[in-house]
Structures are given as structure tokens and as C-alpha cells.
Amino acid sequence: MTRMPSLLKPFLCLCLLAPMPAFAFQSDTTNILMLAISLGGFCFFNLLLTGLFYFTGQYHSRRFAKIHTLISLLPALLTFILAITYIEGAGAISLNIGVIIVSIALSILPVQLSPTANAPTDKTPLILATVALLLMVVAYYAAPLTIFALAIAHVAASSRGTLSVKLLSYATLITGYSYLGYWAYQIALHS
């Protein structure tokens, strides 16, 4: 057995214990925080959607779970591209890579939940339409939530529900797309 050189051992310990995310805020703090907070917020609301779809039985369909997973992976991929392109420094990249790894882990959760999901009930479209409407009301105070309300409303509209549930879903979709268009117009106007 050979012995490790005396300088190599402290160097390896330093490399393993170095707090790279602590150096993330040296030069481009705004970019790092925006990416981390945006992706973290998306992960949180995507996790809520995952719970909603699981408990309403939407993951009984493996196709639905795979599509939800693929859509959920898009923001993580976009954040990865932005992190590699615009952020300088190893600390900033390591912080964002950590958030991206957590996002990917939460994004593949629907595929893992699919085998244990129950079948949808008769109340599933009503629950989805009601949650979409409530989330749309909350979205008037936090506009990005409109995207999640629209996703739920689309699922509720495509479910086999009564006419009143479909009308509620379509009303939420019309309101949501109108509000999203107004929000995009305001961003374009003030930027």
C-alpha cells in the first residue's frame, strides 16, 4: 500500500469541503437569484400539481404522467442552458446546478407515482375545474400562477365531466388566456 503525499491529503479535504455556493454571489447576484427563485417557485407549484393530479387519479394514465413529466422538465432544461451561458464562476454554476438537480428529481415524480395511482372518480373533473378557478382567482395577485391555472383547466376540460364542469373549465381558460395576454402586453409595454 502506498502512502498519499502529504500535500495531497489537505488539498483533497479542501476540495471536498469547499463551500462553492457561498461564492455564488460574487458578481452576478441578480441572475443567480432570479434563476434559483424562478425554478424553485416552479418546482413548488409543480409539486402541488403533482399532488392534485395524483389524488384525483390522473396518473392512472401512464401517457398523462409521461406528458406531465416532459413538460415539467422544460424549465429545468431552460435554466440549465441559461446557467451555462450567462453565469460566470464555479460557485454560481454549482448553486444553479443544485437547484436544477432538485427540479429534475421533482419533475420525474409523476412517472414514479403512475403505477400506484388510483382510477379517476366521477368528481375528478369537478375538483380540477374548481381548483383551476380558485387558482385563477389567486393568479390575479400573482400573475405567473395563471399558467398553472390554465394547465389544470385544460385537464379539467378534457376530462369526462358534466356540461357545467366543462363550461366552468372553458370560462377559466378564456379568463386565464385573456389575463395572460394582458400580462404579456404590460411586460412588453414597460420593458
Protein backbone atom coordinates (compact mmCIF):
# COMPACT_ATOMS: atom_id res chain seq x y z
CA MET A 1 0.00 0.00 0.00
CA THR A 2 1.42 3.37 -0.99
CA ARG A 3 1.11 6.43 1.14
CA MET A 4 -0.55 9.59 -0.06
CA PRO A 5 1.77 12.60 -0.43
CA SER A 6 1.49 14.98 2.50
CA LEU A 7 0.17 17.96 0.47
CA LEU A 8 -2.38 15.94 -1.46
CA LYS A 9 -4.45 14.95 1.56
CA PRO A 10 -5.21 18.53 2.76
CA PHE A 11 -5.87 19.59 -0.83
CA LEU A 12 -8.45 16.82 -1.31
CA CYS A 13 -10.13 17.68 2.00
CA LEU A 14 -10.28 21.32 0.98
CA CYS A 15 -11.81 20.43 -2.39
CA LEU A 16 -14.44 18.18 -0.83
CA LEU A 17 -15.42 20.63 1.87
CA ALA A 18 -15.22 23.86 -0.14
CA PRO A 19 -18.49 25.78 0.04
CA MET A 20 -18.90 26.54 -3.66
CA PRO A 21 -22.40 28.04 -3.34
CA ALA A 22 -21.02 30.56 -0.86
CA PHE A 23 -19.00 32.05 -3.71
CA ALA A 24 -22.06 32.26 -5.93
CA PHE A 25 -22.85 35.84 -5.03
CA GLN A 26 -19.61 37.45 -6.14
CA SER A 27 -20.52 39.21 -9.37
CA ASP A 28 -23.86 38.25 -10.85
CA THR A 29 -26.15 38.08 -7.85
CA THR A 30 -29.29 39.12 -9.69
CA ASN A 31 -29.01 36.41 -12.35
CA ILE A 32 -28.33 33.71 -9.79
CA LEU A 33 -31.20 34.70 -7.55
CA MET A 34 -33.65 35.07 -10.42
CA LEU A 35 -32.82 31.64 -11.80
CA ALA A 36 -32.90 29.94 -8.41
CA ILE A 37 -36.10 31.64 -7.24
CA SER A 38 -37.89 31.16 -10.56
CA LEU A 39 -37.05 27.48 -10.81
CA GLY A 40 -37.74 26.96 -7.11
CA GLY A 41 -41.17 28.56 -7.46
CA PHE A 42 -41.93 26.44 -10.49
CA CYS A 43 -40.88 23.31 -8.58
CA PHE A 44 -43.12 24.20 -5.66
CA PHE A 45 -46.22 24.73 -7.79
CA ASN A 46 -45.39 21.75 -9.97
CA LEU A 47 -45.23 19.65 -6.81
CA LEU A 48 -48.69 20.93 -5.87
CA LEU A 49 -49.93 19.99 -9.36
CA THR A 50 -48.37 16.56 -8.97
CA GLY A 51 -50.25 16.04 -5.72
CA LEU A 52 -53.50 17.28 -7.25
CA PHE A 53 -53.20 15.05 -10.30
CA TYR A 54 -52.17 12.05 -8.20
CA PHE A 55 -55.05 12.32 -5.75
CA THR A 56 -57.60 12.94 -8.49
CA GLY A 57 -56.43 9.85 -10.38
CA GLN A 58 -54.95 11.50 -13.46
CA TYR A 59 -51.74 9.47 -13.19
CA HIS A 60 -53.74 6.30 -13.75
CA SER A 61 -52.92 7.03 -17.38
CA ARG A 62 -49.19 6.48 -17.94
CA ARG A 63 -49.39 8.72 -21.00
CA PHE A 64 -50.62 11.63 -18.88
CA ALA A 65 -47.80 11.06 -16.37
CA LYS A 66 -45.18 10.99 -19.14
CA ILE A 67 -46.50 14.18 -20.75
CA HIS A 68 -46.58 15.94 -17.38
CA THR A 69 -43.00 14.82 -16.76
CA LEU A 70 -41.79 16.07 -20.14
CA ILE A 71 -43.47 19.45 -19.68
CA SER A 72 -42.02 19.70 -16.16
CA LEU A 73 -38.51 19.06 -17.44
CA LEU A 74 -38.60 22.03 -19.85
CA PRO A 75 -37.98 24.78 -17.24
CA ALA A 76 -35.08 22.79 -15.77
CA LEU A 77 -33.55 22.42 -19.23
CA LEU A 78 -34.03 26.12 -19.94
CA THR A 79 -32.47 27.05 -16.60
CA PHE A 80 -29.53 24.77 -17.30
CA ILE A 81 -28.92 26.44 -20.66
CA LEU A 82 -29.16 29.90 -19.09
CA ALA A 83 -26.88 28.91 -16.22
CA ILE A 84 -24.20 27.58 -18.52
CA THR A 85 -24.49 30.51 -20.92
CA TYR A 86 -24.73 33.58 -18.73
CA ILE A 87 -23.33 32.83 -15.30
CA GLU A 88 -19.65 33.22 -14.54
CA GLY A 89 -17.88 31.47 -11.73
CA ALA A 90 -17.89 27.97 -10.33
CA GLY A 91 -19.92 28.92 -7.27
CA ALA A 92 -22.78 30.35 -9.29
CA ILE A 93 -22.91 27.37 -11.59
CA SER A 94 -22.78 24.88 -8.71
CA LEU A 95 -25.63 26.64 -6.92
CA ASN A 96 -27.80 26.60 -10.02
CA ILE A 97 -26.87 23.02 -10.87
CA GLY A 98 -28.05 22.04 -7.39
CA VAL A 99 -31.42 23.71 -7.94
CA ILE A 100 -31.66 22.11 -11.39
CA ILE A 101 -30.98 18.64 -9.97
CA VAL A 102 -33.74 19.10 -7.39
CA SER A 103 -36.07 20.33 -10.14
CA ILE A 104 -35.35 17.30 -12.30
CA ALA A 105 -35.91 14.97 -9.35
CA LEU A 106 -39.30 16.55 -8.65
CA SER A 107 -40.18 16.59 -12.35
CA ILE A 108 -39.84 12.83 -12.78
CA LEU A 109 -42.07 12.18 -9.78
CA PRO A 110 -45.25 11.68 -11.90
CA VAL A 111 -43.71 8.71 -13.71
CA GLN A 112 -42.78 7.16 -10.38
CA LEU A 113 -46.27 7.73 -8.96
CA SER A 114 -48.05 6.34 -12.00
CA PRO A 115 -48.04 2.63 -11.03
CA THR A 116 -49.67 3.35 -7.66
CA ALA A 117 -52.30 5.83 -8.85
CA ASN A 118 -55.99 5.11 -8.43
CA ALA A 119 -58.50 5.49 -11.23
CA PRO A 120 -60.27 8.86 -11.61
CA THR A 121 -63.69 9.18 -10.00
CA ASP A 122 -66.83 10.95 -11.15
CA LYS A 123 -65.87 14.00 -9.08
CA THR A 124 -62.42 14.39 -10.65
CA PRO A 125 -63.42 16.91 -13.37
CA LEU A 126 -65.34 19.00 -10.83
CA ILE A 127 -62.39 19.03 -8.42
CA LEU A 128 -59.99 20.02 -11.20
CA ALA A 129 -62.27 22.77 -12.53
CA THR A 130 -62.81 24.18 -9.04
CA VAL A 131 -59.09 24.18 -8.25
CA ALA A 132 -58.38 25.85 -11.60
CA LEU A 133 -60.92 28.56 -10.83
CA LEU A 134 -59.55 29.13 -7.32
CA LEU A 135 -56.00 29.27 -8.63
CA MET A 136 -57.14 31.76 -11.27
CA VAL A 137 -58.52 33.99 -8.51
CA VAL A 138 -55.17 33.80 -6.70
CA ALA A 139 -53.41 34.48 -10.02
CA TYR A 140 -54.88 37.98 -10.08
CA TYR A 141 -52.48 38.74 -7.23
CA ALA A 142 -49.55 36.70 -8.57
CA ALA A 143 -49.79 36.64 -12.36
CA PRO A 144 -47.44 33.70 -13.12
CA LEU A 145 -49.87 31.36 -11.36
CA THR A 146 -52.13 31.82 -14.37
CA ILE A 147 -50.01 29.27 -16.22
CA PHE A 148 -50.74 26.60 -13.61
CA ALA A 149 -54.45 27.51 -13.55
CA LEU A 150 -54.55 27.13 -17.33
CA ALA A 151 -52.87 23.72 -17.13
CA ILE A 152 -55.42 22.48 -14.61
CA ALA A 153 -58.30 23.96 -16.62
CA HIS A 154 -57.10 22.19 -19.78
CA VAL A 155 -57.01 18.87 -17.95
CA ALA A 156 -60.48 19.52 -16.49
CA ALA A 157 -61.87 20.48 -19.89
CA SER A 158 -60.53 17.31 -21.49
CA SER A 159 -61.92 15.10 -18.72
CA ARG A 160 -65.29 13.41 -18.94
CA GLY A 161 -67.39 15.77 -16.89
CA THR A 162 -70.82 17.30 -16.98
CA LEU A 163 -71.71 20.29 -19.11
CA SER A 164 -71.47 22.67 -16.14
CA VAL A 165 -67.95 21.45 -15.36
CA LYS A 166 -66.91 21.92 -18.98
CA LEU A 167 -68.40 25.43 -19.01
CA LEU A 168 -66.55 26.27 -15.80
CA SER A 169 -63.32 24.95 -17.32
CA TYR A 170 -63.79 26.90 -20.55
CA ALA A 171 -64.65 30.07 -18.62
CA THR A 172 -61.43 29.64 -16.64
CA LEU A 173 -59.50 29.08 -19.87
CA ILE A 174 -60.93 32.19 -21.52
CA THR A 175 -60.28 34.30 -18.44
CA GLY A 176 -56.80 32.85 -17.99
CA TYR A 177 -55.68 33.39 -21.56
CA SER A 178 -57.10 36.92 -21.52
CA TYR A 179 -55.24 37.72 -18.33
CA LEU A 180 -52.06 36.09 -19.62
CA GLY A 181 -52.29 38.20 -22.78
CA TYR A 182 -52.82 41.36 -20.75
CA TRP A 183 -49.89 40.43 -18.52
CA ALA A 184 -47.63 39.87 -21.56
CA TYR A 185 -48.79 43.19 -23.03
CA GLN A 186 -47.91 45.01 -19.81
CA ILE A 187 -44.47 43.40 -19.74
CA ALA A 188 -43.84 44.35 -23.36
CA LEU A 189 -45.09 47.87 -22.74
CA HIS A 190 -42.85 48.52 -19.74
CA SER A 191 -39.68 46.81 -20.87
